[in-house]
Amino acid sequence: MNLSKKQVEVLVKGCVNNDRTAQEALYKLFHADMLRVCYNYLPDKRLAKEAFNLGFLKVFQSIKDFDIKKGELGGWIRKIMIYTSIDICRSELKFNTIQLSEREETEFFISPSVLEKLFFEDILKNIRSLPFATQTVFNLSVLDGFTHKEISEQLYISEGTSRWHLSEAKKQLRALLETSAKGTDQLAERSGKAK
């Protein structure tokens, strides 16, 4: 979505003036990427679409506040989609209040040899198989760069609970991804023998 500054200004101005053509163009331009953002946080398609639609409503209601000098339009819309998805997550999630100190938080290394055997869809499928609360914390931390403090403020949980969920996500993902990679190896061996 490489729009020139002038194109962005025209699009934003049209949306501010409630020009349906500009609104439709903005919607179509960001539809796929922003729906994907919502699916990252809400694997339930109904909830993801609800977040997406509510997010675009917020975009159109607040587009007059967008300042091209302060950031990129796609990033601004993405942020609205993330926060809208978090709002829906908050109402759907049940968190275990387990504390994990910073020293206990461990980094789980996933070997590049494991990752190179998997497709993006395989990795995404494994992320989506995590428990909903754990998946949400993982997405916020790893995919969108939120700190544990920011996650705790957004989800109304303690920083220790956020750390625990991230640690648990990494542990479970490592096991899932290694299992998926072994399955890919076995499939490749069988297809090699079949030739």
Protein backbone atom coordinates (compact mmCIF):
# COMPACT_ATOMS: atom_id res chain seq x y z
CA MET A 1 0.00 0.00 0.00
CA ASN A 2 2.45 2.55 -1.17
CA LEU A 3 0.30 5.64 -1.41
CA SER A 4 1.90 8.98 -2.01
CA LYS A 5 1.43 11.69 0.58
CA LYS A 6 -0.91 13.50 -1.83
CA GLN A 7 -3.05 10.37 -2.36
CA VAL A 8 -3.36 9.89 1.40
CA GLU A 9 -4.35 13.54 1.87
CA VAL A 10 -7.04 13.26 -0.83
CA LEU A 11 -8.37 10.00 0.63
CA VAL A 12 -8.45 11.33 4.20
CA LYS A 13 -10.04 14.62 3.13
CA GLY A 14 -12.73 12.72 1.23
CA CYS A 15 -13.47 10.56 4.28
CA VAL A 16 -13.61 13.61 6.56
CA ASN A 17 -16.18 15.09 4.18
CA ASN A 18 -18.22 11.83 4.28
CA ASP A 19 -17.53 11.17 0.60
CA ARG A 20 -18.81 7.59 0.10
CA THR A 21 -16.37 6.98 -2.77
CA ALA A 22 -13.39 7.90 -0.59
CA GLN A 23 -14.72 5.82 2.30
CA GLU A 24 -15.20 2.82 0.02
CA ALA A 25 -11.71 3.27 -1.43
CA LEU A 26 -10.17 3.41 2.07
CA TYR A 27 -12.14 0.35 3.15
CA LYS A 28 -11.12 -1.68 0.09
CA LEU A 29 -7.50 -0.57 0.36
CA PHE A 30 -7.09 -1.81 3.93
CA HIS A 31 -9.74 -4.55 4.09
CA ALA A 32 -7.54 -7.67 3.82
CA ASP A 33 -4.69 -6.46 6.03
CA MET A 34 -6.93 -5.16 8.80
CA LEU A 35 -9.16 -8.22 8.81
CA ARG A 36 -5.98 -10.28 9.24
CA VAL A 37 -5.04 -8.12 12.25
CA CYS A 38 -8.42 -8.85 13.84
CA TYR A 39 -8.06 -12.60 13.12
CA ASN A 40 -4.69 -12.54 14.91
CA TYR A 41 -6.46 -11.55 18.11
CA LEU A 42 -9.85 -13.16 17.60
CA PRO A 43 -9.69 -16.56 15.93
CA ASP A 44 -13.46 -16.81 16.21
CA LYS A 45 -14.48 -15.45 12.80
CA ARG A 46 -17.67 -13.86 14.10
CA LEU A 47 -15.78 -11.90 16.77
CA ALA A 48 -12.99 -10.97 14.33
CA LYS A 49 -15.51 -9.58 11.85
CA GLU A 50 -17.25 -7.73 14.66
CA ALA A 51 -13.93 -6.14 15.68
CA PHE A 52 -13.14 -5.33 12.05
CA ASN A 53 -16.48 -3.62 11.43
CA LEU A 54 -16.39 -1.76 14.73
CA GLY A 55 -12.79 -0.77 14.01
CA PHE A 56 -13.67 0.72 10.63
CA LEU A 57 -16.58 2.58 12.21
CA LYS A 58 -14.06 4.10 14.65
CA VAL A 59 -11.72 4.90 11.75
CA PHE A 60 -14.43 6.82 9.90
CA GLN A 61 -15.58 8.57 13.08
CA SER A 62 -12.09 9.71 14.04
CA ILE A 63 -10.35 10.16 10.67
CA LYS A 64 -10.52 13.92 11.15
CA ASP A 65 -7.93 13.41 13.94
CA PHE A 66 -5.44 11.62 11.67
CA ASP A 67 -2.30 13.71 11.14
CA ILE A 68 -0.20 12.68 8.16
CA LYS A 69 2.80 14.45 9.73
CA LYS A 70 2.69 12.15 12.77
CA GLY A 71 2.45 8.78 11.07
CA GLU A 72 1.40 6.49 8.28
CA LEU A 73 -2.31 5.92 7.58
CA GLY A 74 -2.03 2.11 7.58
CA GLY A 75 -0.27 2.14 10.94
CA TRP A 76 -2.91 4.45 12.39
CA ILE A 77 -5.74 2.19 11.17
CA ARG A 78 -3.89 -0.92 12.40
CA LYS A 79 -3.63 0.56 15.87
CA ILE A 80 -7.38 1.20 15.94
CA MET A 81 -8.01 -2.41 14.83
CA ILE A 82 -5.68 -3.78 17.52
CA TYR A 83 -7.32 -1.75 20.29
CA THR A 84 -10.80 -2.65 19.07
CA SER A 85 -9.83 -6.33 19.02
CA ILE A 86 -8.39 -5.99 22.53
CA ASP A 87 -11.67 -4.50 23.74
CA ILE A 88 -13.53 -7.55 22.45
CA CYS A 89 -10.84 -9.91 23.81
CA ARG A 90 -11.17 -8.33 27.22
CA SER A 91 -14.86 -9.19 27.34
CA GLU A 92 -14.23 -12.77 26.11
CA LEU A 93 -11.09 -13.76 28.03
CA LYS A 94 -10.70 -15.47 31.33
CA PHE A 95 -7.16 -15.11 32.67
CA ASN A 96 -5.43 -17.27 35.23
CA THR A 97 -3.79 -14.93 37.69
CA ILE A 98 -0.45 -16.67 37.88
CA GLN A 99 2.57 -14.58 38.71
CA LEU A 100 5.90 -14.96 36.96
CA SER A 101 8.77 -12.67 37.79
CA GLU A 102 11.02 -11.20 35.11
CA ARG A 103 13.82 -13.56 36.18
CA GLU A 104 11.59 -16.61 35.68
CA GLU A 105 10.59 -15.57 32.18
CA THR A 106 12.54 -17.70 29.78
CA GLU A 107 13.28 -17.30 26.13
CA PHE A 108 12.57 -20.41 24.11
CA PHE A 109 14.74 -20.73 21.08
CA ILE A 110 13.19 -22.32 18.01
CA SER A 111 15.82 -23.65 15.69
CA PRO A 112 15.92 -22.08 12.21
CA SER A 113 15.99 -25.64 10.82
CA VAL A 114 12.55 -26.18 12.39
CA LEU A 115 11.14 -22.90 11.07
CA GLU A 116 12.42 -23.35 7.52
CA LYS A 117 10.44 -26.59 7.19
CA LEU A 118 7.16 -24.86 7.94
CA PHE A 119 4.91 -22.56 5.96
CA PHE A 120 3.47 -19.36 7.40
CA GLU A 121 0.03 -21.03 7.53
CA ASP A 122 1.46 -23.85 9.69
CA ILE A 123 2.94 -21.37 12.14
CA LEU A 124 -0.27 -19.34 12.25
CA LYS A 125 -2.33 -22.51 12.79
CA ASN A 126 -0.10 -23.41 15.75
CA ILE A 127 -0.41 -19.92 17.23
CA ARG A 128 -4.19 -20.16 16.91
CA SER A 129 -4.20 -23.50 18.71
CA LEU A 130 -2.91 -21.85 21.89
CA PRO A 131 -5.43 -21.11 24.64
CA PHE A 132 -7.21 -17.85 23.81
CA ALA A 133 -5.75 -15.79 26.68
CA THR A 134 -2.22 -17.08 26.06
CA GLN A 135 -2.55 -16.45 22.33
CA THR A 136 -3.72 -12.87 22.93
CA VAL A 137 -0.74 -12.05 25.16
CA PHE A 138 1.63 -13.68 22.63
CA ASN A 139 0.18 -11.64 19.75
CA LEU A 140 0.39 -8.39 21.68
CA SER A 141 3.95 -9.02 22.82
CA VAL A 142 5.61 -10.77 19.89
CA LEU A 143 3.61 -9.63 16.87
CA ASP A 144 2.80 -6.07 17.90
CA GLY A 145 5.63 -5.22 20.31
CA PHE A 146 3.59 -4.32 23.40
CA THR A 147 5.45 -4.36 26.73
CA HIS A 148 4.14 -6.38 29.67
CA LYS A 149 3.12 -3.11 31.30
CA GLU A 150 1.08 -2.12 28.22
CA ILE A 151 -0.47 -5.59 27.99
CA SER A 152 -1.43 -5.53 31.65
CA GLU A 153 -3.07 -2.12 31.21
CA GLN A 154 -4.97 -3.18 28.09
CA LEU A 155 -6.18 -6.55 29.38
CA TYR A 156 -6.59 -5.59 33.06
CA ILE A 157 -4.17 -8.26 34.25
CA SER A 158 -0.94 -8.05 36.25
CA GLU A 159 2.43 -7.84 34.51
CA GLY A 160 3.32 -11.19 36.10
CA THR A 161 0.26 -12.80 34.54
CA SER A 162 1.24 -11.32 31.19
CA ARG A 163 4.77 -12.75 31.58
CA TRP A 164 3.38 -16.16 32.50
CA HIS A 165 1.11 -16.27 29.44
CA LEU A 166 3.99 -15.23 27.14
CA SER A 167 6.29 -17.84 28.66
CA GLU A 168 3.59 -20.50 28.36
CA ALA A 169 2.90 -19.50 24.74
CA LYS A 170 6.57 -19.82 23.83
CA LYS A 171 6.86 -23.19 25.55
CA GLN A 172 3.74 -24.58 23.86
CA LEU A 173 4.66 -23.11 20.47
CA ARG A 174 8.12 -24.62 20.58
CA ALA A 175 6.64 -28.09 21.13
CA LEU A 176 3.93 -27.58 18.50
CA LEU A 177 6.32 -26.23 15.87
CA GLU A 178 8.87 -28.99 16.45
CA THR A 179 6.09 -31.58 16.09
CA SER A 180 4.85 -29.90 12.89
CA ALA A 181 8.39 -29.84 11.46
CA LYS A 182 8.85 -33.56 12.22
CA GLY A 183 5.56 -34.25 10.45
CA THR A 184 6.80 -32.29 7.43
CA ASP A 185 10.06 -34.30 7.44
CA GLN A 186 8.17 -37.59 7.54
CA LEU A 187 5.88 -36.47 4.72
CA ALA A 188 8.90 -35.47 2.62
CA GLU A 189 10.57 -38.84 3.29
CA ARG A 190 7.44 -40.75 2.24
CA SER A 191 7.00 -38.71 -0.94
CA GLY A 192 10.73 -39.22 -1.71
CA LYS A 193 10.36 -43.00 -1.36
CA ALA A 194 7.27 -42.99 -3.55
CA LYS A 195 9.23 -41.59 -6.51
